[in-house]
């Protein structure tokens, strides 16, 4: 089992969402990432090299970007955003990976 840590940026991203959206994202993170966060599935994929993170978790329209530190069994959530069409938004601002 992995421990989940949120960066300050991810906490700010989460606060930008409505309360029920926050609960939905947190529940998805806990159900999808606690046991095998570095295994690709239909909702998890490894990203091309970028400035944000190594992995992406898809939860409906929401996207959780995270890194896995396997040696110490920690998941570090770096950013949380949402998609509208093909555009990613983090804290309401368009973001390009």
PDB file of N, CA and C in Angstrom:
ATOM      1  N   UNK A   1       0.833  -1.179   0.000  1.00  0.00           N
ATOM      2  CA  UNK A   1       0.000   0.000   0.000  1.00  0.00           C
ATOM      3  C   UNK A   1       0.877   1.241   0.000  1.00  0.00           C
ATOM      4  N   UNK A   2       0.503   2.226  -0.791  1.00  0.00           N
ATOM      5  CA  UNK A   2       1.267   3.462  -0.927  1.00  0.00           C
ATOM      6  C   UNK A   2       0.639   4.569  -0.085  1.00  0.00           C
ATOM      7  N   UNK A   3       1.455   5.510   0.357  1.00  0.00           N
ATOM      8  CA  UNK A   3       0.965   6.721   1.011  1.00  0.00           C
ATOM      9  C   UNK A   3       0.777   7.785  -0.066  1.00  0.00           C
ATOM     10  N   UNK A   4      -0.223   8.626   0.104  1.00  0.00           N
ATOM     11  CA  UNK A   4      -0.516   9.670  -0.869  1.00  0.00           C
ATOM     12  C   UNK A   4      -0.200  11.019  -0.245  1.00  0.00           C
ATOM     13  N   UNK A   5       0.634  11.807  -0.939  1.00  0.00           N
ATOM     14  CA  UNK A   5       0.971  13.155  -0.499  1.00  0.00           C
ATOM     15  C   UNK A   5       0.565  14.139  -1.585  1.00  0.00           C
ATOM     16  N   UNK A   6       0.069  15.292  -1.171  1.00  0.00           N
ATOM     17  CA  UNK A   6      -0.312  16.352  -2.103  1.00  0.00           C
ATOM     18  C   UNK A   6       0.687  17.488  -1.991  1.00  0.00           C
ATOM     19  N   UNK A   7       1.158  17.991  -3.115  1.00  0.00           N
ATOM     20  CA  UNK A   7       1.996  19.193  -3.094  1.00  0.00           C
ATOM     21  C   UNK A   7       1.089  20.380  -2.805  1.00  0.00           C
ATOM     22  N   UNK A   8       1.676  21.513  -2.443  1.00  0.00           N
ATOM     23  CA  UNK A   8       0.877  22.715  -2.179  1.00  0.00           C
ATOM     24  C   UNK A   8       0.118  23.137  -3.431  1.00  0.00           C
ATOM     25  N   UNK A   9       0.740  22.981  -4.593  1.00  0.00           N
ATOM     26  CA  UNK A   9       0.062  23.308  -5.845  1.00  0.00           C
ATOM     27  C   UNK A   9      -1.161  22.441  -6.086  1.00  0.00           C
ATOM     28  N   UNK A  10      -1.056  21.148  -5.767  1.00  0.00           N
ATOM     29  CA  UNK A  10      -2.184  20.241  -5.932  1.00  0.00           C
ATOM     30  C   UNK A  10      -3.304  20.583  -4.961  1.00  0.00           C
ATOM     31  N   UNK A  11      -2.961  20.983  -3.752  1.00  0.00           N
ATOM     32  CA  UNK A  11      -3.982  21.397  -2.778  1.00  0.00           C
ATOM     33  C   UNK A  11      -4.715  22.634  -3.292  1.00  0.00           C
ATOM     34  N   UNK A  12      -3.962  23.587  -3.852  1.00  0.00           N
ATOM     35  CA  UNK A  12      -4.589  24.783  -4.426  1.00  0.00           C
ATOM     36  C   UNK A  12      -5.484  24.413  -5.601  1.00  0.00           C
ATOM     37  N   UNK A  13      -5.034  23.463  -6.434  1.00  0.00           N
ATOM     38  CA  UNK A  13      -5.853  23.007  -7.565  1.00  0.00           C
ATOM     39  C   UNK A  13      -7.143  22.379  -7.064  1.00  0.00           C
ATOM     40  N   UNK A  14      -7.046  21.594  -6.012  1.00  0.00           N
ATOM     41  CA  UNK A  14      -8.215  20.922  -5.442  1.00  0.00           C
ATOM     42  C   UNK A  14      -9.188  21.937  -4.855  1.00  0.00           C
ATOM     43  N   UNK A  15      -8.678  22.955  -4.208  1.00  0.00           N
ATOM     44  CA  UNK A  15      -9.534  23.999  -3.630  1.00  0.00           C
ATOM     45  C   UNK A  15     -10.284  24.784  -4.699  1.00  0.00           C
ATOM     46  N   UNK A  16      -9.760  24.818  -5.906  1.00  0.00           N
ATOM     47  CA  UNK A  16     -10.413  25.530  -7.003  1.00  0.00           C
ATOM     48  C   UNK A  16     -11.718  24.839  -7.406  1.00  0.00           C
ATOM     49  N   UNK A  17     -11.805  23.526  -7.171  1.00  0.00           N
ATOM     50  CA  UNK A  17     -12.988  22.749  -7.552  1.00  0.00           C
ATOM     51  C   UNK A  17     -14.093  22.906  -6.515  1.00  0.00           C
ATOM     52  N   UNK A  18     -15.330  22.601  -6.931  1.00  0.00           N
ATOM     53  CA  UNK A  18     -16.460  22.598  -6.007  1.00  0.00           C
ATOM     54  C   UNK A  18     -16.306  21.448  -5.023  1.00  0.00           C
ATOM     55  N   UNK A  19     -17.006  21.541  -3.900  1.00  0.00           N
ATOM     56  CA  UNK A  19     -16.860  20.554  -2.821  1.00  0.00           C
ATOM     57  C   UNK A  19     -17.173  19.137  -3.299  1.00  0.00           C
ATOM     58  N   UNK A  20     -18.271  18.944  -4.028  1.00  0.00           N
ATOM     59  CA  UNK A  20     -18.598  17.592  -4.495  1.00  0.00           C
ATOM     60  C   UNK A  20     -17.585  17.090  -5.520  1.00  0.00           C
ATOM     61  N   UNK A  21     -17.011  17.997  -6.315  1.00  0.00           N
ATOM     62  CA  UNK A  21     -15.964  17.617  -7.259  1.00  0.00           C
ATOM     63  C   UNK A  21     -14.700  17.210  -6.508  1.00  0.00           C
ATOM     64  N   UNK A  22     -14.378  17.925  -5.428  1.00  0.00           N
ATOM     65  CA  UNK A  22     -13.221  17.576  -4.608  1.00  0.00           C
ATOM     66  C   UNK A  22     -13.376  16.166  -4.050  1.00  0.00           C
ATOM     67  N   UNK A  23     -14.566  15.857  -3.525  1.00  0.00           N
ATOM     68  CA  UNK A  23     -14.815  14.542  -2.955  1.00  0.00           C
ATOM     69  C   UNK A  23     -14.696  13.455  -4.016  1.00  0.00           C
ATOM     70  N   UNK A  24     -15.202  13.744  -5.222  1.00  0.00           N
ATOM     71  CA  UNK A  24     -15.128  12.780  -6.325  1.00  0.00           C
ATOM     72  C   UNK A  24     -13.673  12.507  -6.702  1.00  0.00           C
ATOM     73  N   UNK A  25     -12.865  13.543  -6.789  1.00  0.00           N
ATOM     74  CA  UNK A  25     -11.452  13.396  -7.156  1.00  0.00           C
ATOM     75  C   UNK A  25     -10.688  12.644  -6.065  1.00  0.00           C
ATOM     76  N   UNK A  26     -10.898  12.997  -4.812  1.00  0.00           N
ATOM     77  CA  UNK A  26     -10.189  12.332  -3.712  1.00  0.00           C
ATOM     78  C   UNK A  26     -10.574  10.855  -3.636  1.00  0.00           C
ATOM     79  N   UNK A  27     -11.861  10.553  -3.810  1.00  0.00           N
ATOM     80  CA  UNK A  27     -12.301   9.153  -3.794  1.00  0.00           C
ATOM     81  C   UNK A  27     -11.660   8.378  -4.943  1.00  0.00           C
ATOM     82  N   UNK A  28     -11.561   8.982  -6.114  1.00  0.00           N
ATOM     83  CA  UNK A  28     -10.924   8.342  -7.262  1.00  0.00           C
ATOM     84  C   UNK A  28      -9.448   8.107  -7.034  1.00  0.00           C
ATOM     85  N   UNK A  29      -8.767   9.077  -6.445  1.00  0.00           N
ATOM     86  CA  UNK A  29      -7.344   8.928  -6.140  1.00  0.00           C
ATOM     87  C   UNK A  29      -7.140   7.764  -5.185  1.00  0.00           C
ATOM     88  N   UNK A  30      -7.946   7.712  -4.124  1.00  0.00           N
ATOM     89  CA  UNK A  30      -7.792   6.647  -3.139  1.00  0.00           C
ATOM     90  C   UNK A  30      -8.100   5.274  -3.727  1.00  0.00           C
ATOM     91  N   UNK A  31      -9.099   5.179  -4.589  1.00  0.00           N
ATOM     92  CA  UNK A  31      -9.453   3.863  -5.129  1.00  0.00           C
ATOM     93  C   UNK A  31      -8.501   3.410  -6.235  1.00  0.00           C
ATOM     94  N   UNK A  32      -7.929   4.331  -6.985  1.00  0.00           N
ATOM     95  CA  UNK A  32      -7.099   3.971  -8.135  1.00  0.00           C
ATOM     96  C   UNK A  32      -5.606   3.873  -7.828  1.00  0.00           C
ATOM     97  N   UNK A  33      -5.118   4.625  -6.842  1.00  0.00           N
ATOM     98  CA  UNK A  33      -3.668   4.750  -6.687  1.00  0.00           C
ATOM     99  C   UNK A  33      -3.070   4.094  -5.451  1.00  0.00           C
ATOM    100  N   UNK A  34      -3.865   3.597  -4.540  1.00  0.00           N
ATOM    101  CA  UNK A  34      -3.300   3.068  -3.296  1.00  0.00           C
ATOM    102  C   UNK A  34      -2.445   1.825  -3.486  1.00  0.00           C
ATOM    103  N   UNK A  35      -2.774   0.970  -4.437  1.00  0.00           N
ATOM    104  CA  UNK A  35      -2.090  -0.328  -4.495  1.00  0.00           C
ATOM    105  C   UNK A  35      -1.124  -0.506  -5.665  1.00  0.00           C
ATOM    106  N   UNK A  36      -1.480  -0.116  -6.853  1.00  0.00           N
ATOM    107  CA  UNK A  36      -0.580  -0.284  -8.006  1.00  0.00           C
ATOM    108  C   UNK A  36      -0.578   0.987  -8.860  1.00  0.00           C
ATOM    109  N   UNK A  37      -0.003   2.064  -8.350  1.00  0.00           N
ATOM    110  CA  UNK A  37      -0.066   3.337  -9.078  1.00  0.00           C
ATOM    111  C   UNK A  37       0.814   3.397 -10.315  1.00  0.00           C
ATOM    112  N   UNK A  38       1.786   2.500 -10.432  1.00  0.00           N
ATOM    113  CA  UNK A  38       2.694   2.543 -11.578  1.00  0.00           C
ATOM    114  C   UNK A  38       2.407   1.433 -12.586  1.00  0.00           C
ATOM    115  N   UNK A  39       1.163   0.956 -12.611  1.00  0.00           N
ATOM    116  CA  UNK A  39       0.725  -0.015 -13.607  1.00  0.00           C
ATOM    117  C   UNK A  39      -0.265   0.690 -14.525  1.00  0.00           C
ATOM    118  N   UNK A  40       0.014   0.653 -15.833  1.00  0.00           N
ATOM    119  CA  UNK A  40      -0.883   1.322 -16.777  1.00  0.00           C
ATOM    120  C   UNK A  40      -2.205   0.570 -16.866  1.00  0.00           C
ATOM    121  N   UNK A  41      -3.295   1.338 -16.835  1.00  0.00           N
ATOM    122  CA  UNK A  41      -4.636   0.786 -17.003  1.00  0.00           C
ATOM    123  C   UNK A  41      -5.372   1.678 -17.997  1.00  0.00           C
ATOM    124  N   UNK A  42      -6.651   1.445 -18.098  1.00  0.00           N
ATOM    125  CA  UNK A  42      -7.471   2.255 -18.993  1.00  0.00           C
ATOM    126  C   UNK A  42      -7.548   3.702 -18.507  1.00  0.00           C
ATOM    127  N   UNK A  43      -7.400   3.938 -17.200  1.00  0.00           N
ATOM    128  CA  UNK A  43      -7.490   5.282 -16.639  1.00  0.00           C
ATOM    129  C   UNK A  43      -6.155   5.877 -16.202  1.00  0.00           C
ATOM    130  N   UNK A  44      -5.103   5.068 -16.199  1.00  0.00           N
ATOM    131  CA  UNK A  44      -3.776   5.541 -15.793  1.00  0.00           C
ATOM    132  C   UNK A  44      -2.811   5.355 -16.944  1.00  0.00           C
ATOM    133  N   UNK A  45      -1.998   6.387 -17.191  1.00  0.00           N
ATOM    134  CA  UNK A  45      -0.980   6.218 -18.231  1.00  0.00           C
ATOM    135  C   UNK A  45       0.261   7.022 -17.880  1.00  0.00           C
ATOM    136  N   UNK A  46       1.382   6.504 -18.381  1.00  0.00           N
ATOM    137  CA  UNK A  46       2.652   7.205 -18.234  1.00  0.00           C
ATOM    138  C   UNK A  46       2.703   8.286 -19.315  1.00  0.00           C
ATOM    139  N   UNK A  47       3.131   9.478 -18.926  1.00  0.00           N
ATOM    140  CA  UNK A  47       3.183  10.602 -19.855  1.00  0.00           C
ATOM    141  C   UNK A  47       4.554  10.730 -20.498  1.00  0.00           C
ATOM    142  N   UNK A  48       4.583  11.421 -21.632  1.00  0.00           N
ATOM    143  CA  UNK A  48       5.870  11.791 -22.218  1.00  0.00           C
ATOM    144  C   UNK A  48       6.568  12.731 -21.242  1.00  0.00           C
ATOM    145  N   UNK A  49       7.884  12.858 -21.322  1.00  0.00           N
ATOM    146  CA  UNK A  49       8.594  13.773 -20.412  1.00  0.00           C
ATOM    147  C   UNK A  49       8.003  15.182 -20.478  1.00  0.00           C
ATOM    148  N   UNK A  50       7.708  15.753 -19.297  1.00  0.00           N
ATOM    149  CA  UNK A  50       7.136  17.097 -19.208  1.00  0.00           C
ATOM    150  C   UNK A  50       7.524  17.715 -17.870  1.00  0.00           C
ATOM    151  N   UNK A  51       7.059  18.939 -17.627  1.00  0.00           N
ATOM    152  CA  UNK A  51       7.418  19.665 -16.406  1.00  0.00           C
ATOM    153  C   UNK A  51       6.524  19.339 -15.216  1.00  0.00           C
ATOM    154  N   UNK A  52       5.426  18.625 -15.440  1.00  0.00           N
ATOM    155  CA  UNK A  52       4.454  18.421 -14.369  1.00  0.00           C
ATOM    156  C   UNK A  52       4.683  17.116 -13.626  1.00  0.00           C
ATOM    157  N   UNK A  53       4.522  15.991 -14.310  1.00  0.00           N
ATOM    158  CA  UNK A  53       4.630  14.699 -13.635  1.00  0.00           C
ATOM    159  C   UNK A  53       4.879  13.580 -14.635  1.00  0.00           C
ATOM    160  N   UNK A  54       5.079  12.396 -14.085  1.00  0.00           N
ATOM    161  CA  UNK A  54       5.357  11.233 -14.922  1.00  0.00           C
ATOM    162  C   UNK A  54       4.087  10.471 -15.293  1.00  0.00           C
ATOM    163  N   UNK A  55       3.042  10.581 -14.445  1.00  0.00           N
ATOM    164  CA  UNK A  55       1.822   9.799 -14.634  1.00  0.00           C
ATOM    165  C   UNK A  55       0.578  10.686 -14.655  1.00  0.00           C
ATOM    166  N   UNK A  56      -0.468  10.182 -15.334  1.00  0.00           N
ATOM    167  CA  UNK A  56      -1.766  10.854 -15.368  1.00  0.00           C
ATOM    168  C   UNK A  56      -2.857   9.846 -15.009  1.00  0.00           C
ATOM    169  N   UNK A  57      -3.777  10.266 -14.150  1.00  0.00           N
ATOM    170  CA  UNK A  57      -4.950   9.472 -13.792  1.00  0.00           C
ATOM    171  C   UNK A  57      -6.171  10.202 -14.331  1.00  0.00           C
ATOM    172  N   UNK A  58      -6.986   9.502 -15.089  1.00  0.00           N
ATOM    173  CA  UNK A  58      -8.195  10.086 -15.665  1.00  0.00           C
ATOM    174  C   UNK A  58      -9.393   9.685 -14.808  1.00  0.00           C
ATOM    175  N   UNK A  59     -10.118  10.689 -14.315  1.00  0.00           N
ATOM    176  CA  UNK A  59     -11.321  10.473 -13.511  1.00  0.00           C
ATOM    177  C   UNK A  59     -12.458  11.265 -14.155  1.00  0.00           C
ATOM    178  N   UNK A  60     -13.075  10.712 -15.183  1.00  0.00           N
ATOM    179  CA  UNK A  60     -14.089  11.458 -15.929  1.00  0.00           C
ATOM    180  C   UNK A  60     -13.432  12.615 -16.640  1.00  0.00           C
ATOM    181  N   UNK A  61     -13.902  13.839 -16.374  1.00  0.00           N
ATOM    182  CA  UNK A  61     -13.280  15.006 -17.012  1.00  0.00           C
ATOM    183  C   UNK A  61     -12.071  15.520 -16.232  1.00  0.00           C
ATOM    184  N   UNK A  62     -11.844  14.980 -15.043  1.00  0.00           N
ATOM    185  CA  UNK A  62     -10.733  15.429 -14.204  1.00  0.00           C
ATOM    186  C   UNK A  62      -9.462  14.653 -14.496  1.00  0.00           C
ATOM    187  N   UNK A  63      -8.327  15.324 -14.341  1.00  0.00           N
ATOM    188  CA  UNK A  63      -7.026  14.710 -14.550  1.00  0.00           C
ATOM    189  C   UNK A  63      -6.171  14.953 -13.314  1.00  0.00           C
ATOM    190  N   UNK A  64      -5.568  13.882 -12.814  1.00  0.00           N
ATOM    191  CA  UNK A  64      -4.673  13.965 -11.659  1.00  0.00           C
ATOM    192  C   UNK A  64      -3.279  13.604 -12.160  1.00  0.00           C
ATOM    193  N   UNK A  65      -2.340  14.495 -11.956  1.00  0.00           N
ATOM    194  CA  UNK A  65      -0.967  14.275 -12.397  1.00  0.00           C
ATOM    195  C   UNK A  65      -0.127  13.949 -11.163  1.00  0.00           C
ATOM    196  N   UNK A  66       0.585  12.830 -11.232  1.00  0.00           N
ATOM    197  CA  UNK A  66       1.297  12.360 -10.044  1.00  0.00           C
ATOM    198  C   UNK A  66       2.606  11.678 -10.415  1.00  0.00           C
ATOM    199  N   UNK A  67       3.482  11.586  -9.421  1.00  0.00           N
ATOM    200  CA  UNK A  67       4.741  10.863  -9.525  1.00  0.00           C
ATOM    201  C   UNK A  67       4.732   9.741  -8.492  1.00  0.00           C
ATOM    202  N   UNK A  68       5.446   8.662  -8.792  1.00  0.00           N
ATOM    203  CA  UNK A  68       5.531   7.521  -7.886  1.00  0.00           C
ATOM    204  C   UNK A  68       6.976   7.378  -7.427  1.00  0.00           C
ATOM    205  N   UNK A  69       7.163   7.352  -6.108  1.00  0.00           N
ATOM    206  CA  UNK A  69       8.475   7.061  -5.531  1.00  0.00           C
ATOM    207  C   UNK A  69       8.384   5.649  -4.957  1.00  0.00           C
ATOM    208  N   UNK A  70       8.706   4.660  -5.800  1.00  0.00           N
ATOM    209  CA  UNK A  70       8.469   3.252  -5.456  1.00  0.00           C
ATOM    210  C   UNK A  70       9.320   2.771  -4.289  1.00  0.00           C
ATOM    211  N   UNK A  71      10.516   3.301  -4.135  1.00  0.00           N
ATOM    212  CA  UNK A  71      11.392   2.796  -3.071  1.00  0.00           C
ATOM    213  C   UNK A  71      10.839   3.108  -1.682  1.00  0.00           C
ATOM    214  N   UNK A  72      10.183   4.248  -1.532  1.00  0.00           N
ATOM    215  CA  UNK A  72       9.602   4.615  -0.235  1.00  0.00           C
ATOM    216  C   UNK A  72       8.077   4.495  -0.234  1.00  0.00           C
ATOM    217  N   UNK A  73       7.517   4.012  -1.351  1.00  0.00           N
ATOM    218  CA  UNK A  73       6.080   3.756  -1.494  1.00  0.00           C
ATOM    219  C   UNK A  73       5.234   4.998  -1.221  1.00  0.00           C
ATOM    220  N   UNK A  74       5.572   6.078  -1.927  1.00  0.00           N
ATOM    221  CA  UNK A  74       4.838   7.335  -1.801  1.00  0.00           C
ATOM    222  C   UNK A  74       4.356   7.776  -3.174  1.00  0.00           C
ATOM    223  N   UNK A  75       3.125   8.231  -3.218  1.00  0.00           N
ATOM    224  CA  UNK A  75       2.568   8.846  -4.423  1.00  0.00           C
ATOM    225  C   UNK A  75       2.510  10.335  -4.139  1.00  0.00           C
ATOM    226  N   UNK A  76       3.099  11.131  -5.028  1.00  0.00           N
ATOM    227  CA  UNK A  76       3.098  12.574  -4.853  1.00  0.00           C
ATOM    228  C   UNK A  76       2.206  13.188  -5.926  1.00  0.00           C
ATOM    229  N   UNK A  77       1.039  13.696  -5.515  1.00  0.00           N
ATOM    230  CA  UNK A  77       0.111  14.341  -6.449  1.00  0.00           C
ATOM    231  C   UNK A  77       0.639  15.736  -6.722  1.00  0.00           C
ATOM    232  N   UNK A  78       0.946  16.011  -7.996  1.00  0.00           N
ATOM    233  CA  UNK A  78       1.567  17.273  -8.393  1.00  0.00           C
ATOM    234  C   UNK A  78       0.558  18.324  -8.841  1.00  0.00           C
ATOM    235  N   UNK A  79      -0.497  17.901  -9.555  1.00  0.00           N
ATOM    236  CA  UNK A  79      -1.470  18.857 -10.093  1.00  0.00           C
ATOM    237  C   UNK A  79      -2.788  18.148 -10.341  1.00  0.00           C
ATOM    238  N   UNK A  80      -3.871  18.928 -10.299  1.00  0.00           N
ATOM    239  CA  UNK A  80      -5.209  18.413 -10.591  1.00  0.00           C
ATOM    240  C   UNK A  80      -5.880  19.410 -11.517  1.00  0.00           C
ATOM    241  N   UNK A  81      -6.435  18.900 -12.607  1.00  0.00           N
ATOM    242  CA  UNK A  81      -7.102  19.766 -13.565  1.00  0.00           C
ATOM    243  C   UNK A  81      -8.319  19.087 -14.148  1.00  0.00           C
ATOM    244  N   UNK A  82      -8.877  19.710 -15.174  1.00  0.00           N
ATOM    245  CA  UNK A  82     -10.015  19.122 -15.868  1.00  0.00           C
ATOM    246  C   UNK A  82      -9.903  19.427 -17.354  1.00  0.00           C
ATOM    247  N   UNK A  83     -10.560  18.604 -18.150  1.00  0.00           N
ATOM    248  CA  UNK A  83     -10.513  18.775 -19.593  1.00  0.00           C
ATOM    249  C   UNK A  83     -11.870  19.196 -20.116  1.00  0.00           C
ATOM    250  N   UNK A  84     -11.834  20.097 -21.057  1.00  0.00           N
ATOM    251  CA  UNK A  84     -13.008  20.481 -21.834  1.00  0.00           C
ATOM    252  C   UNK A  84     -12.592  20.350 -23.291  1.00  0.00           C
ATOM    253  N   UNK A  85     -13.165  19.366 -23.974  1.00  0.00           N
ATOM    254  CA  UNK A  85     -12.725  19.072 -25.336  1.00  0.00           C
ATOM    255  C   UNK A  85     -11.302  18.560 -25.288  1.00  0.00           C
ATOM    256  N   UNK A  86     -10.431  19.170 -26.068  1.00  0.00           N
ATOM    257  CA  UNK A  86      -9.022  18.767 -26.080  1.00  0.00           C
ATOM    258  C   UNK A  86      -8.145  19.670 -25.224  1.00  0.00           C
ATOM    259  N   UNK A  87      -8.746  20.607 -24.494  1.00  0.00           N
ATOM    260  CA  UNK A  87      -7.982  21.586 -23.729  1.00  0.00           C
ATOM    261  C   UNK A  87      -7.960  21.215 -22.246  1.00  0.00           C
ATOM    262  N   UNK A  88      -6.779  21.232 -21.647  1.00  0.00           N
ATOM    263  CA  UNK A  88      -6.601  20.978 -20.222  1.00  0.00           C
ATOM    264  C   UNK A  88      -6.609  22.313 -19.484  1.00  0.00           C
ATOM    265  N   UNK A  89      -7.336  22.356 -18.356  1.00  0.00           N
ATOM    266  CA  UNK A  89      -7.383  23.548 -17.517  1.00  0.00           C
ATOM    267  C   UNK A  89      -6.923  23.181 -16.110  1.00  0.00           C
ATOM    268  N   UNK A  90      -6.045  24.007 -15.563  1.00  0.00           N
ATOM    269  CA  UNK A  90      -5.625  23.862 -14.172  1.00  0.00           C
ATOM    270  C   UNK A  90      -5.897  25.203 -13.507  1.00  0.00           C
ATOM    271  N   UNK A  91      -6.717  25.162 -12.446  1.00  0.00           N
ATOM    272  CA  UNK A  91      -7.194  26.367 -11.751  1.00  0.00           C
ATOM    273  C   UNK A  91      -7.883  27.329 -12.707  1.00  0.00           C
ATOM    274  N   UNK A  92      -8.603  26.798 -13.666  1.00  0.00           N
ATOM    275  CA  UNK A  92      -9.370  27.616 -14.596  1.00  0.00           C
ATOM    276  C   UNK A  92      -8.571  28.214 -15.740  1.00  0.00           C
ATOM    277  N   UNK A  93      -7.277  28.015 -15.745  1.00  0.00           N
ATOM    278  CA  UNK A  93      -6.415  28.561 -16.806  1.00  0.00           C
ATOM    279  C   UNK A  93      -6.010  27.444 -17.775  1.00  0.00           C
ATOM    280  N   UNK A  94      -6.026  27.727 -19.080  1.00  0.00           N
ATOM    281  CA  UNK A  94      -5.563  26.705 -20.042  1.00  0.00           C
ATOM    282  C   UNK A  94      -4.108  26.324 -19.751  1.00  0.00           C
ATOM    283  N   UNK A  95      -3.806  25.050 -19.879  1.00  0.00           N
ATOM    284  CA  UNK A  95      -2.468  24.549 -19.575  1.00  0.00           C
ATOM    285  C   UNK A  95      -2.031  23.612 -20.679  1.00  0.00           C
ATOM    286  N   UNK A  96      -0.818  23.755 -21.123  1.00  0.00           N
ATOM    287  CA  UNK A  96      -0.238  22.916 -22.161  1.00  0.00           C
ATOM    288  C   UNK A  96       0.816  22.005 -21.556  1.00  0.00           C
ATOM    289  N   UNK A  97       0.648  20.693 -21.708  1.00  0.00           N
ATOM    290  CA  UNK A  97       1.646  19.753 -21.201  1.00  0.00           C
ATOM    291  C   UNK A  97       2.819  19.652 -22.142  1.00  0.00           C
TER     292      UNK A  97
END
